[in-house]
Amino acid sequence: MRKPLILGLALTSALAFGTVAIAAPMGHGGWHHGHGHGHHGMFALHKLNLSDAQKASIKQIIKTGFASSKAQRQAVFQQRKAFESLTPDQAGYQAAAANLAQAEADATKARVEQRANVRAQIYGVLTSAQKMQLASMKAQREQRRQEWKAFQAQHRDQSTSTSNQ
């Protein structure tokens, strides 16, 4: 019982990170430090044999993208902090909650759009061969995900039939 559970958790974690994955940090002293900021779901670039010029361009794209959203992140943080300092019986609590909800929604929309922009810029730096390799890695990742889903379904069916007996 324990071994399948651990295997399942490990594979689920790998798939969770793999499905979002597109590019990876490059080398020490690069943009990969700092609590995961700046990756934008890009975890597979290291497999694409990027040139130094490509690495530098990608690093700059990510750095610029991260800096452009800093003010909004700080504003939402301040609103969240102000809201959390209130108690539910204080005047303005509901208004602060509504304002925070709207700020969070706006920030999420901006973050998704910004990540898409960064991803498009990075994709533009890649050569045709690297783009094909990236597409191939994505297809392989999807195939592994489908195989894992099939394995889970089969295992679930087996454990259900075993527990019913």
N, C-alpha and C. Protein backbone atom coordinates (compact mmCIF):
# COMPACT_ATOMS: atom_id res chain seq x y z
N MET A 1 0.83 -1.20 0.00
CA MET A 1 0.00 0.00 0.00
C MET A 1 0.86 1.25 0.00
N ARG A 2 1.93 1.26 0.78
CA ARG A 2 2.75 2.45 0.92
C ARG A 2 3.54 2.76 -0.34
N LYS A 3 4.09 1.73 -0.97
CA LYS A 3 4.91 1.93 -2.16
C LYS A 3 4.12 2.56 -3.31
N PRO A 4 2.92 2.05 -3.64
CA PRO A 4 2.14 2.70 -4.71
C PRO A 4 1.77 4.14 -4.37
N LEU A 5 1.51 4.41 -3.10
CA LEU A 5 1.16 5.76 -2.70
C LEU A 5 2.34 6.71 -2.93
N ILE A 6 3.51 6.31 -2.51
CA ILE A 6 4.71 7.14 -2.69
C ILE A 6 5.01 7.31 -4.17
N LEU A 7 4.91 6.23 -4.93
CA LEU A 7 5.13 6.30 -6.37
C LEU A 7 4.11 7.24 -7.01
N GLY A 8 2.87 7.12 -6.59
CA GLY A 8 1.82 7.98 -7.13
C GLY A 8 2.07 9.45 -6.82
N LEU A 9 2.46 9.73 -5.59
CA LEU A 9 2.74 11.11 -5.23
C LEU A 9 3.93 11.66 -6.01
N ALA A 10 4.96 10.84 -6.16
CA ALA A 10 6.14 11.30 -6.91
C ALA A 10 5.79 11.57 -8.37
N LEU A 11 5.05 10.66 -8.98
CA LEU A 11 4.69 10.85 -10.38
C LEU A 11 3.71 12.01 -10.56
N THR A 12 2.79 12.16 -9.64
CA THR A 12 1.86 13.28 -9.72
C THR A 12 2.61 14.60 -9.62
N SER A 13 3.57 14.66 -8.70
CA SER A 13 4.38 15.88 -8.57
C SER A 13 5.15 16.15 -9.84
N ALA A 14 5.75 15.12 -10.40
CA ALA A 14 6.52 15.29 -11.64
C ALA A 14 5.62 15.77 -12.77
N LEU A 15 4.42 15.21 -12.85
CA LEU A 15 3.50 15.63 -13.90
C LEU A 15 3.00 17.06 -13.67
N ALA A 16 2.75 17.39 -12.42
CA ALA A 16 2.26 18.73 -12.12
C ALA A 16 3.28 19.78 -12.55
N PHE A 17 4.55 19.51 -12.29
CA PHE A 17 5.58 20.46 -12.68
C PHE A 17 5.87 20.33 -14.17
N GLY A 18 5.75 19.14 -14.71
CA GLY A 18 6.07 18.91 -16.12
C GLY A 18 5.07 19.51 -17.08
N THR A 19 3.78 19.53 -16.70
CA THR A 19 2.78 20.04 -17.62
C THR A 19 2.89 21.53 -17.84
N VAL A 20 3.35 22.24 -16.86
CA VAL A 20 3.50 23.67 -17.00
C VAL A 20 4.85 23.99 -17.63
N ALA A 21 5.73 23.03 -17.59
CA ALA A 21 7.12 23.27 -17.91
C ALA A 21 7.36 23.59 -19.38
N ILE A 22 8.19 24.57 -19.58
CA ILE A 22 8.65 24.89 -20.92
C ILE A 22 10.12 25.22 -20.92
N ALA A 23 10.63 25.83 -19.90
CA ALA A 23 12.03 26.25 -19.92
C ALA A 23 12.65 26.14 -18.54
N ALA A 24 13.96 26.20 -18.48
CA ALA A 24 14.64 26.03 -17.20
C ALA A 24 15.70 27.08 -16.96
N PRO A 25 16.07 27.22 -15.72
CA PRO A 25 17.13 28.16 -15.39
C PRO A 25 18.46 27.71 -15.98
N MET A 26 19.30 28.68 -16.28
CA MET A 26 20.57 28.35 -16.90
C MET A 26 21.73 28.76 -16.03
N GLY A 27 22.36 27.80 -15.39
CA GLY A 27 23.61 28.05 -14.70
C GLY A 27 23.49 28.82 -13.40
N HIS A 28 24.57 28.79 -12.64
CA HIS A 28 24.62 29.50 -11.37
C HIS A 28 24.84 30.98 -11.64
N GLY A 29 24.37 31.80 -10.77
CA GLY A 29 24.54 33.23 -10.93
C GLY A 29 23.60 33.81 -11.97
N GLY A 30 22.71 32.99 -12.51
CA GLY A 30 21.75 33.46 -13.50
C GLY A 30 20.48 33.92 -12.83
N TRP A 31 19.39 33.89 -13.56
CA TRP A 31 18.13 34.41 -13.06
C TRP A 31 17.32 33.39 -12.31
N HIS A 32 17.90 32.25 -11.98
CA HIS A 32 17.10 31.21 -11.32
C HIS A 32 17.07 31.33 -9.81
N HIS A 33 17.79 32.24 -9.23
CA HIS A 33 17.76 32.42 -7.79
C HIS A 33 16.64 33.38 -7.42
N GLY A 34 16.23 33.36 -6.18
CA GLY A 34 15.25 34.33 -5.74
C GLY A 34 13.86 33.75 -5.57
N HIS A 35 13.75 32.62 -4.95
CA HIS A 35 12.45 32.02 -4.61
C HIS A 35 11.58 31.74 -5.81
N GLY A 36 12.17 31.39 -6.92
CA GLY A 36 11.39 30.97 -8.07
C GLY A 36 10.83 32.09 -8.92
N HIS A 37 11.11 33.32 -8.58
CA HIS A 37 10.59 34.43 -9.37
C HIS A 37 11.27 34.47 -10.72
N GLY A 38 10.52 34.78 -11.73
CA GLY A 38 11.09 34.99 -13.04
C GLY A 38 11.09 33.78 -13.94
N HIS A 39 10.66 32.63 -13.47
CA HIS A 39 10.70 31.45 -14.32
C HIS A 39 9.56 31.43 -15.31
N HIS A 40 8.42 31.92 -14.90
CA HIS A 40 7.25 31.97 -15.77
C HIS A 40 6.92 30.62 -16.38
N GLY A 41 7.06 29.55 -15.61
CA GLY A 41 6.71 28.24 -16.11
C GLY A 41 7.64 27.72 -17.18
N MET A 42 8.85 28.20 -17.22
CA MET A 42 9.79 27.83 -18.28
C MET A 42 10.88 26.92 -17.71
N PHE A 43 10.66 25.61 -17.75
CA PHE A 43 11.59 24.70 -17.11
C PHE A 43 12.38 23.80 -18.06
N ALA A 44 12.25 23.92 -19.34
CA ALA A 44 12.92 22.97 -20.24
C ALA A 44 13.95 23.61 -21.17
N LEU A 45 14.21 24.88 -21.04
CA LEU A 45 15.15 25.53 -21.95
C LEU A 45 16.56 24.95 -21.86
N HIS A 46 16.94 24.48 -20.69
CA HIS A 46 18.29 23.94 -20.56
C HIS A 46 18.53 22.73 -21.45
N LYS A 47 17.48 22.09 -21.89
CA LYS A 47 17.60 20.93 -22.77
C LYS A 47 17.71 21.33 -24.24
N LEU A 48 17.62 22.62 -24.52
CA LEU A 48 17.61 23.08 -25.91
C LEU A 48 18.98 23.56 -26.40
N ASN A 49 20.03 23.39 -25.61
CA ASN A 49 21.37 23.81 -26.00
C ASN A 49 21.39 25.25 -26.49
N LEU A 50 20.95 26.14 -25.65
CA LEU A 50 20.90 27.55 -26.00
C LEU A 50 22.30 28.14 -26.12
N SER A 51 22.45 29.07 -27.03
CA SER A 51 23.72 29.79 -27.15
C SER A 51 23.81 30.80 -26.00
N ASP A 52 25.00 31.32 -25.78
CA ASP A 52 25.17 32.32 -24.73
C ASP A 52 24.33 33.56 -25.03
N ALA A 53 24.24 33.93 -26.29
CA ALA A 53 23.43 35.08 -26.68
C ALA A 53 21.95 34.83 -26.37
N GLN A 54 21.46 33.62 -26.65
CA GLN A 54 20.07 33.28 -26.35
C GLN A 54 19.83 33.32 -24.85
N LYS A 55 20.77 32.76 -24.08
CA LYS A 55 20.63 32.78 -22.62
C LYS A 55 20.55 34.21 -22.11
N ALA A 56 21.42 35.07 -22.63
CA ALA A 56 21.43 36.47 -22.19
C ALA A 56 20.12 37.16 -22.58
N SER A 57 19.62 36.91 -23.78
CA SER A 57 18.36 37.51 -24.22
C SER A 57 17.20 37.05 -23.34
N ILE A 58 17.16 35.77 -23.06
CA ILE A 58 16.08 35.22 -22.25
C ILE A 58 16.16 35.76 -20.83
N LYS A 59 17.36 35.85 -20.31
CA LYS A 59 17.54 36.40 -18.97
C LYS A 59 17.01 37.83 -18.92
N GLN A 60 17.32 38.62 -19.92
CA GLN A 60 16.87 40.01 -19.97
C GLN A 60 15.35 40.10 -20.13
N ILE A 61 14.77 39.26 -20.94
CA ILE A 61 13.31 39.24 -21.13
C ILE A 61 12.62 38.96 -19.81
N ILE A 62 13.11 37.97 -19.09
CA ILE A 62 12.49 37.59 -17.82
C ILE A 62 12.69 38.68 -16.77
N LYS A 63 13.89 39.23 -16.74
CA LYS A 63 14.18 40.29 -15.77
C LYS A 63 13.27 41.50 -16.02
N THR A 64 13.11 41.89 -17.26
CA THR A 64 12.24 43.02 -17.62
C THR A 64 10.79 42.72 -17.28
N GLY A 65 10.34 41.51 -17.59
CA GLY A 65 8.96 41.12 -17.28
C GLY A 65 8.68 41.14 -15.79
N PHE A 66 9.63 40.66 -15.01
CA PHE A 66 9.46 40.63 -13.57
C PHE A 66 9.43 42.05 -13.02
N ALA A 67 10.32 42.90 -13.50
CA ALA A 67 10.38 44.29 -13.02
C ALA A 67 9.11 45.05 -13.38
N SER A 68 8.55 44.77 -14.54
CA SER A 68 7.36 45.51 -14.98
C SER A 68 6.13 45.22 -14.11
N SER A 69 6.11 44.08 -13.46
CA SER A 69 4.95 43.74 -12.63
C SER A 69 5.19 44.00 -11.14
N LYS A 70 6.36 44.50 -10.80
CA LYS A 70 6.71 44.68 -9.39
C LYS A 70 5.79 45.66 -8.68
N ALA A 71 5.48 46.78 -9.30
CA ALA A 71 4.63 47.79 -8.66
C ALA A 71 3.24 47.23 -8.34
N GLN A 72 2.68 46.47 -9.27
CA GLN A 72 1.35 45.90 -9.03
C GLN A 72 1.41 44.86 -7.91
N ARG A 73 2.44 44.03 -7.90
CA ARG A 73 2.57 43.04 -6.83
C ARG A 73 2.67 43.71 -5.47
N GLN A 74 3.43 44.79 -5.40
CA GLN A 74 3.58 45.51 -4.14
C GLN A 74 2.26 46.16 -3.71
N ALA A 75 1.52 46.70 -4.65
CA ALA A 75 0.23 47.32 -4.33
C ALA A 75 -0.76 46.29 -3.78
N VAL A 76 -0.81 45.13 -4.41
CA VAL A 76 -1.70 44.07 -3.93
C VAL A 76 -1.26 43.60 -2.55
N PHE A 77 0.04 43.48 -2.36
CA PHE A 77 0.57 43.07 -1.05
C PHE A 77 0.13 44.06 0.03
N GLN A 78 0.23 45.35 -0.27
CA GLN A 78 -0.17 46.37 0.70
C GLN A 78 -1.67 46.29 0.99
N GLN A 79 -2.47 46.07 -0.05
CA GLN A 79 -3.92 45.95 0.16
C GLN A 79 -4.24 44.72 1.01
N ARG A 80 -3.54 43.63 0.73
CA ARG A 80 -3.77 42.40 1.49
C ARG A 80 -3.39 42.61 2.96
N LYS A 81 -2.28 43.27 3.17
CA LYS A 81 -1.80 43.55 4.53
C LYS A 81 -2.81 44.43 5.27
N ALA A 82 -3.32 45.47 4.61
CA ALA A 82 -4.31 46.36 5.22
C ALA A 82 -5.59 45.60 5.55
N PHE A 83 -6.03 44.75 4.64
CA PHE A 83 -7.24 43.97 4.87
C PHE A 83 -7.06 43.02 6.06
N GLU A 84 -5.92 42.36 6.11
CA GLU A 84 -5.67 41.40 7.18
C GLU A 84 -5.54 42.07 8.55
N SER A 85 -5.26 43.36 8.55
CA SER A 85 -5.16 44.06 9.83
C SER A 85 -6.54 44.40 10.39
N LEU A 86 -7.57 44.34 9.55
CA LEU A 86 -8.93 44.62 10.00
C LEU A 86 -9.56 43.39 10.63
N THR A 87 -10.52 43.64 11.49
CA THR A 87 -11.32 42.54 12.03
C THR A 87 -12.71 42.61 11.41
N PRO A 88 -13.42 41.50 11.34
CA PRO A 88 -14.73 41.48 10.66
C PRO A 88 -15.76 42.46 11.23
N ASP A 89 -15.59 42.90 12.46
CA ASP A 89 -16.59 43.82 13.03
C ASP A 89 -16.23 45.30 12.81
N GLN A 90 -15.13 45.57 12.14
CA GLN A 90 -14.74 46.95 11.90
C GLN A 90 -15.48 47.52 10.69
N ALA A 91 -15.69 48.83 10.74
CA ALA A 91 -16.30 49.53 9.61
C ALA A 91 -15.33 49.46 8.43
N GLY A 92 -15.86 49.22 7.26
CA GLY A 92 -15.02 49.16 6.06
C GLY A 92 -14.44 47.79 5.76
N TYR A 93 -14.75 46.82 6.62
CA TYR A 93 -14.20 45.47 6.41
C TYR A 93 -14.68 44.88 5.09
N GLN A 94 -15.98 44.95 4.83
CA GLN A 94 -16.52 44.38 3.59
C GLN A 94 -16.03 45.13 2.36
N ALA A 95 -15.92 46.45 2.48
CA ALA A 95 -15.41 47.23 1.36
C ALA A 95 -13.94 46.89 1.09
N ALA A 96 -13.18 46.71 2.15
CA ALA A 96 -11.77 46.33 1.99
C ALA A 96 -11.66 44.95 1.35
N ALA A 97 -12.56 44.04 1.73
CA ALA A 97 -12.58 42.70 1.14
C ALA A 97 -12.89 42.78 -0.36
N ALA A 98 -13.87 43.59 -0.71
CA ALA A 98 -14.23 43.75 -2.12
C ALA A 98 -13.09 44.39 -2.91
N ASN A 99 -12.44 45.39 -2.33
CA ASN A 99 -11.31 46.04 -3.00
C ASN A 99 -10.15 45.07 -3.19
N LEU A 100 -9.88 44.28 -2.17
CA LEU A 100 -8.80 43.29 -2.28
C LEU A 100 -9.13 42.24 -3.33
N ALA A 101 -10.38 41.80 -3.36
CA ALA A 101 -10.79 40.80 -4.35
C ALA A 101 -10.60 41.34 -5.76
N GLN A 102 -10.98 42.60 -5.97
CA GLN A 102 -10.81 43.20 -7.30
C GLN A 102 -9.34 43.37 -7.64
N ALA A 103 -8.53 43.78 -6.67
CA ALA A 103 -7.09 43.95 -6.91
C ALA A 103 -6.45 42.60 -7.24
N GLU A 104 -6.85 41.55 -6.52
CA GLU A 104 -6.32 40.20 -6.78
C GLU A 104 -6.72 39.74 -8.18
N ALA A 105 -7.97 40.01 -8.57
CA ALA A 105 -8.44 39.62 -9.90
C ALA A 105 -7.67 40.36 -10.99
N ASP A 106 -7.48 41.66 -10.79
CA ASP A 106 -6.73 42.45 -11.76
C ASP A 106 -5.28 41.97 -11.86
N ALA A 107 -4.70 41.65 -10.69
CA ALA A 107 -3.31 41.18 -10.67
C ALA A 107 -3.18 39.83 -11.36
N THR A 108 -4.15 38.95 -11.17
CA THR A 108 -4.11 37.65 -11.82
C THR A 108 -4.20 37.80 -13.33
N LYS A 109 -5.11 38.65 -13.78
CA LYS A 109 -5.25 38.90 -15.22
C LYS A 109 -3.95 39.46 -15.80
N ALA A 110 -3.39 40.44 -15.12
CA ALA A 110 -2.14 41.05 -15.59
C ALA A 110 -1.00 40.04 -15.60
N ARG A 111 -0.96 39.18 -14.58
CA ARG A 111 0.11 38.17 -14.49
C ARG A 111 0.01 37.17 -15.63
N VAL A 112 -1.18 36.73 -15.94
CA VAL A 112 -1.37 35.77 -17.04
C VAL A 112 -0.96 36.40 -18.36
N GLU A 113 -1.40 37.63 -18.58
CA GLU A 113 -1.05 38.33 -19.82
C GLU A 113 0.45 38.57 -19.91
N GLN A 114 1.06 38.96 -18.80
CA GLN A 114 2.50 39.23 -18.80
C GLN A 114 3.30 37.95 -19.05
N ARG A 115 2.88 36.86 -18.43
CA ARG A 115 3.57 35.58 -18.65
C ARG A 115 3.45 35.14 -20.10
N ALA A 116 2.28 35.35 -20.68
CA ALA A 116 2.11 35.00 -22.09
C ALA A 116 3.02 35.84 -22.97
N ASN A 117 3.15 37.11 -22.64
CA ASN A 117 4.03 38.00 -23.38
C ASN A 117 5.49 37.56 -23.25
N VAL A 118 5.91 37.26 -22.03
CA VAL A 118 7.28 36.80 -21.80
C VAL A 118 7.53 35.49 -22.55
N ARG A 119 6.59 34.60 -22.47
CA ARG A 119 6.73 33.30 -23.14
C ARG A 119 6.85 33.49 -24.66
N ALA A 120 6.05 34.39 -25.21
CA ALA A 120 6.11 34.66 -26.65
C ALA A 120 7.46 35.27 -27.03
N GLN A 121 7.96 36.18 -26.21
CA GLN A 121 9.27 36.78 -26.48
C GLN A 121 10.38 35.73 -26.43
N ILE A 122 10.32 34.86 -25.44
CA ILE A 122 11.33 33.80 -25.31
C ILE A 122 11.24 32.87 -26.51
N TYR A 123 10.03 32.52 -26.89
CA TYR A 123 9.83 31.64 -28.04
C TYR A 123 10.44 32.26 -29.29
N GLY A 124 10.35 33.58 -29.40
CA GLY A 124 10.92 34.28 -30.54
C GLY A 124 12.44 34.23 -30.59
N VAL A 125 13.07 33.98 -29.46
CA VAL A 125 14.53 33.89 -29.40
C VAL A 125 15.02 32.53 -29.90
N LEU A 126 14.16 31.52 -29.85
CA LEU A 126 14.55 30.16 -30.21
C LEU A 126 14.69 29.99 -31.72
N THR A 127 15.56 29.07 -32.11
CA THR A 127 15.70 28.73 -33.52
C THR A 127 14.56 27.77 -33.90
N SER A 128 14.39 27.54 -35.19
CA SER A 128 13.35 26.61 -35.65
C SER A 128 13.59 25.22 -35.09
N ALA A 129 14.84 24.79 -35.06
CA ALA A 129 15.16 23.45 -34.53
C ALA A 129 14.82 23.37 -33.04
N GLN A 130 15.10 24.43 -32.30
CA GLN A 130 14.78 24.44 -30.87
C GLN A 130 13.27 24.44 -30.64
N LYS A 131 12.55 25.14 -31.48
CA LYS A 131 11.09 25.15 -31.38
C LYS A 131 10.52 23.76 -31.65
N MET A 132 11.09 23.07 -32.64
CA MET A 132 10.64 21.70 -32.93
C MET A 132 10.96 20.78 -31.76
N GLN A 133 12.15 20.93 -31.19
CA GLN A 133 12.55 20.11 -30.04
C GLN A 133 11.62 20.39 -28.86
N LEU A 134 11.29 21.63 -28.64
CA LEU A 134 10.38 22.01 -27.56
C LEU A 134 9.00 21.38 -27.77
N ALA A 135 8.51 21.41 -29.00
CA ALA A 135 7.22 20.80 -29.32
C ALA A 135 7.27 19.29 -29.09
N SER A 136 8.38 18.68 -29.44
CA SER A 136 8.55 17.25 -29.22
C SER A 136 8.54 16.92 -27.73
N MET A 137 9.23 17.72 -26.95
CA MET A 137 9.26 17.49 -25.49
C MET A 137 7.87 17.66 -24.90
N LYS A 138 7.12 18.63 -25.41
CA LYS A 138 5.76 18.84 -24.93
C LYS A 138 4.88 17.64 -25.27
N ALA A 139 5.02 17.12 -26.47
CA ALA A 139 4.24 15.94 -26.87
C ALA A 139 4.60 14.72 -26.02
N GLN A 140 5.88 14.55 -25.74
CA GLN A 140 6.31 13.44 -24.89
C GLN A 140 5.75 13.58 -23.48
N ARG A 141 5.76 14.81 -22.97
CA ARG A 141 5.22 15.08 -21.64
C ARG A 141 3.73 14.76 -21.60
N GLU A 142 3.01 15.15 -22.66
CA GLU A 142 1.58 14.86 -22.73
C GLU A 142 1.32 13.36 -22.81
N GLN A 143 2.16 12.65 -23.58
CA GLN A 143 2.01 11.19 -23.67
C GLN A 143 2.23 10.55 -22.30
N ARG A 144 3.26 10.99 -21.58
CA ARG A 144 3.51 10.45 -20.23
C ARG A 144 2.34 10.75 -19.30
N ARG A 145 1.76 11.94 -19.44
CA ARG A 145 0.62 12.31 -18.62
C ARG A 145 -0.57 11.40 -18.90
N GLN A 146 -0.81 11.13 -20.19
CA GLN A 146 -1.91 10.24 -20.56
C GLN A 146 -1.67 8.81 -20.05
N GLU A 147 -0.43 8.35 -20.16
CA GLU A 147 -0.09 7.03 -19.65
C GLU A 147 -0.30 6.96 -18.14
N TRP A 148 0.07 8.03 -17.46
CA TRP A 148 -0.11 8.07 -16.01
C TRP A 148 -1.59 8.06 -15.65
N LYS A 149 -2.41 8.80 -16.39
CA LYS A 149 -3.85 8.79 -16.14
C LYS A 149 -4.42 7.39 -16.35
N ALA A 150 -3.98 6.72 -17.40
CA ALA A 150 -4.45 5.37 -17.67
C ALA A 150 -4.02 4.43 -16.54
N PHE A 151 -2.78 4.58 -16.09
CA PHE A 151 -2.27 3.76 -14.99
C PHE A 151 -3.10 4.00 -13.74
N GLN A 152 -3.37 5.26 -13.45
CA GLN A 152 -4.17 5.58 -12.26
C GLN A 152 -5.57 4.98 -12.36
N ALA A 153 -6.19 5.11 -13.53
CA ALA A 153 -7.53 4.57 -13.71
C ALA A 153 -7.53 3.05 -13.54
N GLN A 154 -6.54 2.40 -14.11
CA GLN A 154 -6.44 0.95 -14.00
C GLN A 154 -6.21 0.55 -12.54
N HIS A 155 -5.32 1.27 -11.87
CA HIS A 155 -5.02 0.96 -10.48
C HIS A 155 -6.24 1.22 -9.59
N ARG A 156 -6.96 2.29 -9.88
CA ARG A 156 -8.16 2.61 -9.12
C ARG A 156 -9.20 1.50 -9.30
N ASP A 157 -9.37 1.03 -10.55
CA ASP A 157 -10.32 -0.04 -10.82
C ASP A 157 -9.92 -1.32 -10.09
N GLN A 158 -8.62 -1.63 -10.08
CA GLN A 158 -8.14 -2.84 -9.40
C GLN A 158 -8.36 -2.73 -7.90
N SER A 159 -8.06 -1.57 -7.32
CA SER A 159 -8.21 -1.43 -5.87
C SER A 159 -9.69 -1.42 -5.48
N THR A 160 -10.55 -0.92 -6.35
CA THR A 160 -11.99 -0.93 -6.07
C THR A 160 -12.52 -2.35 -6.12
N SER A 161 -12.11 -3.12 -7.12
CA SER A 161 -12.60 -4.48 -7.23
C SER A 161 -12.03 -5.35 -6.10
N THR A 162 -10.82 -5.07 -5.65
CA THR A 162 -10.21 -5.81 -4.56
C THR A 162 -10.93 -5.50 -3.24
N SER A 163 -11.26 -4.25 -3.02
CA SER A 163 -11.92 -3.86 -1.77
C SER A 163 -13.37 -4.32 -1.73
N ASN A 164 -14.00 -4.56 -2.88
CA ASN A 164 -15.38 -5.04 -2.92
C ASN A 164 -15.48 -6.53 -2.66
N GLN A 165 -14.39 -7.24 -2.73
CA GLN A 165 -14.44 -8.69 -2.54
C GLN A 165 -14.37 -9.08 -1.11
